[in-house]
Amino acid sequence: MMAEGHKCDILYFDPYPNAALESYIAAYGALLSSRGERPVRCERVSSLEQLLRRSDVVSLHTALDASTRHLMNAERLGQMKPDGLLINCARGPVVDEKALVAHLRSHPDFRCGLDVFEDEPAMAPGLAQCANAVIVPHIASASMFTRGGMATLAAANVAARLAGQPVWGGSDVAPFLEGPMGALPRASPSIVNAKELGLPTHKPE
């Protein structure tokens, strides 16, 4: 979105090269160039610190584990540009919220966008009062498709349990979200504790 919508160059840091991303941005850059516009570029940088120092906007998309908890701490926030923008598209604890509040207060031109929080539903003291923070209550998934799909899966679970049908054994729930209602598999799409309850499992072909 940043490349196509805002004609931004893309820097990314990842242990593994993203060949698909690089190829896509290269093709889009060539299209822009053919129309007499500045081509966008994509570059994989060698360290997170290099990315932080060079980027105007930093968007986090990492998994949460021991190595990424408080990935964005006071030291790394300090490596970003004074007027940088931090967007957390990952999990709340990836950002040290107390350090973020301190950074927002001491750098009024710095901004952040948060949909997740370190200790949901609570926020670090002072975060809600930071005028340079845009905060929303974990609603990034609120698209028509996603919320409609969630409702369909919940209804299918209830209907299948009432009908005594087995639990879907596959990890892909797409068959419950595509096609007419009459074509839905005769199974519960997802019962987390199905094994503990001793419920039979349907093995999709």
C-alpha atoms as a PDB file:
ATOM      1  CA  MET A   1       0.000   0.000   0.000  1.00  0.00           C
ATOM      2  CA  MET A   2       2.813   2.413   0.779  1.00  0.00           C
ATOM      3  CA  ALA A   3       4.460   1.752  -2.585  1.00  0.00           C
ATOM      4  CA  GLU A   4       1.345   1.921  -4.759  1.00  0.00           C
ATOM      5  CA  GLY A   5      -0.729   4.341  -2.705  1.00  0.00           C
ATOM      6  CA  HIS A   6       1.995   6.775  -1.674  1.00  0.00           C
ATOM      7  CA  LYS A   7       4.859   5.995  -4.112  1.00  0.00           C
ATOM      8  CA  CYS A   8       7.157   5.186  -1.188  1.00  0.00           C
ATOM      9  CA  ASP A   9      10.379   3.252  -1.496  1.00  0.00           C
ATOM     10  CA  ILE A  10      10.341   0.094   0.613  1.00  0.00           C
ATOM     11  CA  LEU A  11      13.066  -0.938   3.025  1.00  0.00           C
ATOM     12  CA  TYR A  12      12.626  -4.194   4.883  1.00  0.00           C
ATOM     13  CA  PHE A  13      14.555  -6.257   7.396  1.00  0.00           C
ATOM     14  CA  ASP A  14      13.955  -9.997   7.502  1.00  0.00           C
ATOM     15  CA  PRO A  15      16.172 -13.041   8.086  1.00  0.00           C
ATOM     16  CA  TYR A  16      15.049 -14.301   4.685  1.00  0.00           C
ATOM     17  CA  PRO A  17      14.909 -12.404   1.379  1.00  0.00           C
ATOM     18  CA  ASN A  18      11.373 -11.717   0.149  1.00  0.00           C
ATOM     19  CA  ALA A  19      11.812 -12.438  -3.549  1.00  0.00           C
ATOM     20  CA  ALA A  20       8.098 -11.983  -4.305  1.00  0.00           C
ATOM     21  CA  LEU A  21       8.026  -8.515  -2.717  1.00  0.00           C
ATOM     22  CA  GLU A  22      11.216  -7.417  -4.454  1.00  0.00           C
ATOM     23  CA  SER A  23       9.995  -8.678  -7.824  1.00  0.00           C
ATOM     24  CA  TYR A  24       6.611  -6.986  -7.431  1.00  0.00           C
ATOM     25  CA  ILE A  25       8.107  -3.618  -6.475  1.00  0.00           C
ATOM     26  CA  ALA A  26      10.633  -3.877  -9.313  1.00  0.00           C
ATOM     27  CA  ALA A  27       7.819  -4.459 -11.815  1.00  0.00           C
ATOM     28  CA  TYR A  28       5.783  -1.594 -10.376  1.00  0.00           C
ATOM     29  CA  GLY A  29       8.849   0.655 -10.458  1.00  0.00           C
ATOM     30  CA  ALA A  30       9.361  -0.202 -14.131  1.00  0.00           C
ATOM     31  CA  LEU A  31       5.717   0.693 -14.849  1.00  0.00           C
ATOM     32  CA  LEU A  32       6.118   4.073 -13.160  1.00  0.00           C
ATOM     33  CA  SER A  33       9.333   4.710 -15.058  1.00  0.00           C
ATOM     34  CA  SER A  34       7.637   3.890 -18.375  1.00  0.00           C
ATOM     35  CA  ARG A  35       5.081   6.600 -17.582  1.00  0.00           C
ATOM     36  CA  GLY A  36       7.743   9.182 -16.844  1.00  0.00           C
ATOM     37  CA  GLU A  37       7.346   8.930 -13.076  1.00  0.00           C
ATOM     38  CA  ARG A  38       9.984   8.255 -10.435  1.00  0.00           C
ATOM     39  CA  PRO A  39      10.241   4.485  -9.952  1.00  0.00           C
ATOM     40  CA  VAL A  40       9.793   3.074  -6.456  1.00  0.00           C
ATOM     41  CA  ARG A  41      12.468   0.738  -5.134  1.00  0.00           C
ATOM     42  CA  CYS A  42      12.674  -2.116  -2.661  1.00  0.00           C
ATOM     43  CA  GLU A  43      15.764  -2.881  -0.594  1.00  0.00           C
ATOM     44  CA  ARG A  44      16.461  -5.500   2.054  1.00  0.00           C
ATOM     45  CA  VAL A  45      18.683  -3.964   4.718  1.00  0.00           C
ATOM     46  CA  SER A  46      21.197  -5.877   6.804  1.00  0.00           C
ATOM     47  CA  SER A  47      19.989  -4.882  10.270  1.00  0.00           C
ATOM     48  CA  LEU A  48      16.989  -3.549  12.118  1.00  0.00           C
ATOM     49  CA  GLU A  49      19.065  -0.605  13.298  1.00  0.00           C
ATOM     50  CA  GLN A  50      19.863   0.367   9.711  1.00  0.00           C
ATOM     51  CA  LEU A  51      16.168   0.216   8.840  1.00  0.00           C
ATOM     52  CA  LEU A  52      15.203   2.375  11.835  1.00  0.00           C
ATOM     53  CA  ARG A  53      17.762   5.074  11.032  1.00  0.00           C
ATOM     54  CA  ARG A  54      16.770   5.334   7.365  1.00  0.00           C
ATOM     55  CA  SER A  55      12.979   4.960   7.445  1.00  0.00           C
ATOM     56  CA  ASP A  56      10.372   7.706   7.635  1.00  0.00           C
ATOM     57  CA  VAL A  57       7.661   5.139   8.479  1.00  0.00           C
ATOM     58  CA  VAL A  58       8.342   1.897  10.345  1.00  0.00           C
ATOM     59  CA  SER A  59       5.641  -0.775  10.227  1.00  0.00           C
ATOM     60  CA  LEU A  60       6.084  -3.836  12.456  1.00  0.00           C
ATOM     61  CA  HIS A  61       4.958  -7.229  11.098  1.00  0.00           C
ATOM     62  CA  THR A  62       6.836  -9.727  13.238  1.00  0.00           C
ATOM     63  CA  ALA A  63       5.653 -12.698  15.245  1.00  0.00           C
ATOM     64  CA  LEU A  64       5.763 -12.383  19.031  1.00  0.00           C
ATOM     65  CA  ASP A  65       8.294 -14.597  20.776  1.00  0.00           C
ATOM     66  CA  ALA A  66      11.101 -14.201  23.284  1.00  0.00           C
ATOM     67  CA  SER A  67      13.344 -12.563  20.672  1.00  0.00           C
ATOM     68  CA  THR A  68      10.784  -9.941  19.618  1.00  0.00           C
ATOM     69  CA  ARG A  69       9.246  -8.997  22.980  1.00  0.00           C
ATOM     70  CA  HIS A  70      10.066  -5.290  23.478  1.00  0.00           C
ATOM     71  CA  LEU A  71      11.789  -5.302  20.090  1.00  0.00           C
ATOM     72  CA  MET A  72      11.007  -1.589  20.019  1.00  0.00           C
ATOM     73  CA  ASN A  73      12.511  -0.400  23.281  1.00  0.00           C
ATOM     74  CA  ALA A  74      13.868   2.991  24.329  1.00  0.00           C
ATOM     75  CA  GLU A  75      17.164   2.446  22.517  1.00  0.00           C
ATOM     76  CA  ARG A  76      15.577   1.468  19.208  1.00  0.00           C
ATOM     77  CA  LEU A  77      12.932   4.187  19.398  1.00  0.00           C
ATOM     78  CA  GLY A  78      15.812   6.616  19.799  1.00  0.00           C
ATOM     79  CA  GLN A  79      17.346   5.336  16.569  1.00  0.00           C
ATOM     80  CA  MET A  80      14.295   6.396  14.555  1.00  0.00           C
ATOM     81  CA  LYS A  81      14.008   9.819  12.968  1.00  0.00           C
ATOM     82  CA  PRO A  82      12.720  12.529  15.361  1.00  0.00           C
ATOM     83  CA  ASP A  83       9.666  12.988  13.111  1.00  0.00           C
ATOM     84  CA  GLY A  84       9.289   9.283  12.311  1.00  0.00           C
ATOM     85  CA  LEU A  85       6.085   7.277  12.350  1.00  0.00           C
ATOM     86  CA  LEU A  86       5.822   3.889  14.084  1.00  0.00           C
ATOM     87  CA  ILE A  87       2.925   1.565  13.228  1.00  0.00           C
ATOM     88  CA  ASN A  88       2.488  -1.689  15.119  1.00  0.00           C
ATOM     89  CA  CYS A  89       0.813  -4.290  12.897  1.00  0.00           C
ATOM     90  CA  ALA A  90       2.187  -7.101  15.071  1.00  0.00           C
ATOM     91  CA  ARG A  91       1.412  -7.920  18.715  1.00  0.00           C
ATOM     92  CA  GLY A  92       1.275  -5.428  21.567  1.00  0.00           C
ATOM     93  CA  PRO A  93       4.321  -6.635  23.565  1.00  0.00           C
ATOM     94  CA  VAL A  94       6.577  -6.118  20.532  1.00  0.00           C
ATOM     95  CA  VAL A  95       6.635  -2.473  21.691  1.00  0.00           C
ATOM     96  CA  ASP A  96       7.750  -1.414  25.179  1.00  0.00           C
ATOM     97  CA  GLU A  97       4.767   0.834  25.894  1.00  0.00           C
ATOM     98  CA  LYS A  98       6.344   2.698  28.815  1.00  0.00           C
ATOM     99  CA  ALA A  99       9.342   3.555  26.639  1.00  0.00           C
ATOM    100  CA  LEU A 100       7.003   4.591  23.830  1.00  0.00           C
ATOM    101  CA  VAL A 101       5.086   6.987  26.092  1.00  0.00           C
ATOM    102  CA  ALA A 102       8.355   8.578  27.209  1.00  0.00           C
ATOM    103  CA  HIS A 103       9.506   8.883  23.588  1.00  0.00           C
ATOM    104  CA  LEU A 104       6.226  10.420  22.431  1.00  0.00           C
ATOM    105  CA  ARG A 105       6.388  12.975  25.230  1.00  0.00           C
ATOM    106  CA  SER A 106       9.981  13.986  24.540  1.00  0.00           C
ATOM    107  CA  HIS A 107       9.609  13.975  20.724  1.00  0.00           C
ATOM    108  CA  PRO A 108       6.424  15.891  19.841  1.00  0.00           C
ATOM    109  CA  ASP A 109       7.028  15.452  16.089  1.00  0.00           C
ATOM    110  CA  PHE A 110       7.253  11.661  16.463  1.00  0.00           C
ATOM    111  CA  ARG A 111       3.989   9.762  15.879  1.00  0.00           C
ATOM    112  CA  CYS A 112       2.659   6.268  16.333  1.00  0.00           C
ATOM    113  CA  GLY A 113      -0.379   4.233  15.315  1.00  0.00           C
ATOM    114  CA  LEU A 114      -1.466   1.405  17.604  1.00  0.00           C
ATOM    115  CA  ASP A 115      -4.216  -1.189  17.270  1.00  0.00           C
ATOM    116  CA  VAL A 116      -2.762  -3.561  19.877  1.00  0.00           C
ATOM    117  CA  PHE A 117      -1.379  -3.003  23.353  1.00  0.00           C
ATOM    118  CA  GLU A 118       1.193  -4.613  25.593  1.00  0.00           C
ATOM    119  CA  ASP A 119      -1.294  -5.492  28.338  1.00  0.00           C
ATOM    120  CA  GLU A 120      -4.705  -5.432  26.643  1.00  0.00           C
ATOM    121  CA  PRO A 121      -7.178  -4.023  27.359  1.00  0.00           C
ATOM    122  CA  ALA A 122      -5.104  -1.726  29.586  1.00  0.00           C
ATOM    123  CA  MET A 123      -2.699   0.841  28.159  1.00  0.00           C
ATOM    124  CA  ALA A 124       0.502   2.142  29.693  1.00  0.00           C
ATOM    125  CA  PRO A 125      -0.131   5.210  31.886  1.00  0.00           C
ATOM    126  CA  GLY A 126      -0.066   8.363  29.794  1.00  0.00           C
ATOM    127  CA  LEU A 127      -0.463   6.706  26.400  1.00  0.00           C
ATOM    128  CA  ALA A 128      -4.074   7.804  25.968  1.00  0.00           C
ATOM    129  CA  GLN A 129      -3.044  11.398  26.668  1.00  0.00           C
ATOM    130  CA  CYS A 130      -0.351  11.508  23.963  1.00  0.00           C
ATOM    131  CA  ALA A 131      -1.674  13.750  21.183  1.00  0.00           C
ATOM    132  CA  ASN A 132       0.850  12.257  18.747  1.00  0.00           C
ATOM    133  CA  ALA A 133      -0.550   8.721  19.131  1.00  0.00           C
ATOM    134  CA  VAL A 134      -3.466   7.346  17.122  1.00  0.00           C
ATOM    135  CA  ILE A 135      -5.051   4.546  19.135  1.00  0.00           C
ATOM    136  CA  VAL A 136      -7.841   2.170  18.107  1.00  0.00           C
ATOM    137  CA  PRO A 137      -9.248  -0.798  20.099  1.00  0.00           C
ATOM    138  CA  HIS A 138      -7.860  -3.834  18.253  1.00  0.00           C
ATOM    139  CA  ILE A 139     -10.141  -3.463  15.227  1.00  0.00           C
ATOM    140  CA  ALA A 140      -7.679  -3.964  12.369  1.00  0.00           C
ATOM    141  CA  SER A 141      -9.569  -7.090  11.334  1.00  0.00           C
ATOM    142  CA  ALA A 142     -12.850  -5.179  11.008  1.00  0.00           C
ATOM    143  CA  SER A 143     -13.417  -5.712   7.302  1.00  0.00           C
ATOM    144  CA  MET A 144     -16.742  -6.925   5.954  1.00  0.00           C
ATOM    145  CA  PHE A 145     -15.155 -10.206   4.808  1.00  0.00           C
ATOM    146  CA  THR A 146     -13.381 -10.926   8.090  1.00  0.00           C
ATOM    147  CA  ARG A 147     -16.234 -10.087  10.444  1.00  0.00           C
ATOM    148  CA  GLY A 148     -18.764 -11.783   8.161  1.00  0.00           C
ATOM    149  CA  GLY A 149     -16.539 -14.858   8.060  1.00  0.00           C
ATOM    150  CA  MET A 150     -16.213 -14.899  11.847  1.00  0.00           C
ATOM    151  CA  ALA A 151     -19.995 -14.810  12.220  1.00  0.00           C
ATOM    152  CA  THR A 152     -20.413 -17.598   9.654  1.00  0.00           C
ATOM    153  CA  LEU A 153     -17.889 -19.831  11.443  1.00  0.00           C
ATOM    154  CA  ALA A 154     -19.540 -19.213  14.825  1.00  0.00           C
ATOM    155  CA  ALA A 155     -23.000 -20.017  13.429  1.00  0.00           C
ATOM    156  CA  ALA A 156     -21.682 -23.132  11.666  1.00  0.00           C
ATOM    157  CA  ASN A 157     -20.136 -24.317  14.948  1.00  0.00           C
ATOM    158  CA  VAL A 158     -23.448 -23.961  16.798  1.00  0.00           C
ATOM    159  CA  ALA A 159     -25.478 -25.614  14.022  1.00  0.00           C
ATOM    160  CA  ALA A 160     -23.071 -28.553  13.733  1.00  0.00           C
ATOM    161  CA  ARG A 161     -23.003 -29.144  17.489  1.00  0.00           C
ATOM    162  CA  LEU A 162     -26.818 -29.148  17.661  1.00  0.00           C
ATOM    163  CA  ALA A 163     -26.923 -31.612  14.751  1.00  0.00           C
ATOM    164  CA  GLY A 164     -24.305 -33.890  16.332  1.00  0.00           C
ATOM    165  CA  GLN A 165     -21.921 -33.508  13.407  1.00  0.00           C
ATOM    166  CA  PRO A 166     -18.165 -34.134  13.694  1.00  0.00           C
ATOM    167  CA  VAL A 167     -15.456 -31.506  13.965  1.00  0.00           C
ATOM    168  CA  TRP A 168     -13.660 -30.375  10.817  1.00  0.00           C
ATOM    169  CA  GLY A 169     -10.265 -32.049  10.762  1.00  0.00           C
ATOM    170  CA  GLY A 170      -8.561 -29.679   8.356  1.00  0.00           C
ATOM    171  CA  SER A 171      -6.732 -26.465   9.188  1.00  0.00           C
ATOM    172  CA  ASP A 172      -8.216 -24.615   6.204  1.00  0.00           C
ATOM    173  CA  VAL A 173     -11.684 -23.250   7.004  1.00  0.00           C
ATOM    174  CA  ALA A 174     -12.136 -21.700   3.543  1.00  0.00           C
ATOM    175  CA  PRO A 175     -14.761 -24.320   2.573  1.00  0.00           C
ATOM    176  CA  PHE A 176     -17.029 -22.796   5.240  1.00  0.00           C
ATOM    177  CA  LEU A 177     -16.634 -19.320   3.767  1.00  0.00           C
ATOM    178  CA  GLU A 178     -17.079 -20.001   0.063  1.00  0.00           C
ATOM    179  CA  GLY A 179     -20.116 -20.974  -1.966  1.00  0.00           C
ATOM    180  CA  PRO A 180     -23.783 -21.239  -0.946  1.00  0.00           C
ATOM    181  CA  MET A 181     -24.827 -22.160   2.606  1.00  0.00           C
ATOM    182  CA  GLY A 182     -26.142 -25.501   1.415  1.00  0.00           C
ATOM    183  CA  ALA A 183     -22.648 -26.467   0.276  1.00  0.00           C
ATOM    184  CA  LEU A 184     -20.996 -25.990   3.663  1.00  0.00           C
ATOM    185  CA  PRO A 185     -19.234 -29.084   5.049  1.00  0.00           C
ATOM    186  CA  ARG A 186     -21.360 -31.038   7.540  1.00  0.00           C
ATOM    187  CA  ALA A 187     -18.998 -30.378  10.424  1.00  0.00           C
ATOM    188  CA  SER A 188     -18.020 -27.860  13.088  1.00  0.00           C
ATOM    189  CA  PRO A 189     -15.357 -25.635  11.516  1.00  0.00           C
ATOM    190  CA  SER A 190     -13.352 -25.191  14.716  1.00  0.00           C
ATOM    191  CA  ILE A 191     -13.768 -26.530  18.263  1.00  0.00           C
ATOM    192  CA  VAL A 192     -10.560 -25.712  20.146  1.00  0.00           C
ATOM    193  CA  ASN A 193     -11.036 -28.339  22.859  1.00  0.00           C
ATOM    194  CA  ALA A 194     -12.601 -30.996  20.608  1.00  0.00           C
ATOM    195  CA  LYS A 195     -10.062 -33.637  21.666  1.00  0.00           C
ATOM    196  CA  GLU A 196     -10.694 -33.064  25.366  1.00  0.00           C
ATOM    197  CA  LEU A 197     -14.452 -33.306  24.746  1.00  0.00           C
ATOM    198  CA  GLY A 198     -13.997 -36.553  22.830  1.00  0.00           C
ATOM    199  CA  LEU A 199     -15.751 -35.219  19.743  1.00  0.00           C
ATOM    200  CA  PRO A 200     -15.387 -37.175  16.491  1.00  0.00           C
ATOM    201  CA  THR A 201     -13.333 -35.603  13.713  1.00  0.00           C
ATOM    202  CA  HIS A 202     -14.239 -35.354  10.043  1.00  0.00           C
ATOM    203  CA  LYS A 203     -11.208 -35.845   7.790  1.00  0.00           C
ATOM    204  CA  PRO A 204     -11.610 -33.675   4.671  1.00  0.00           C
ATOM    205  CA  GLU A 205     -10.640 -35.358   1.418  1.00  0.00           C
END
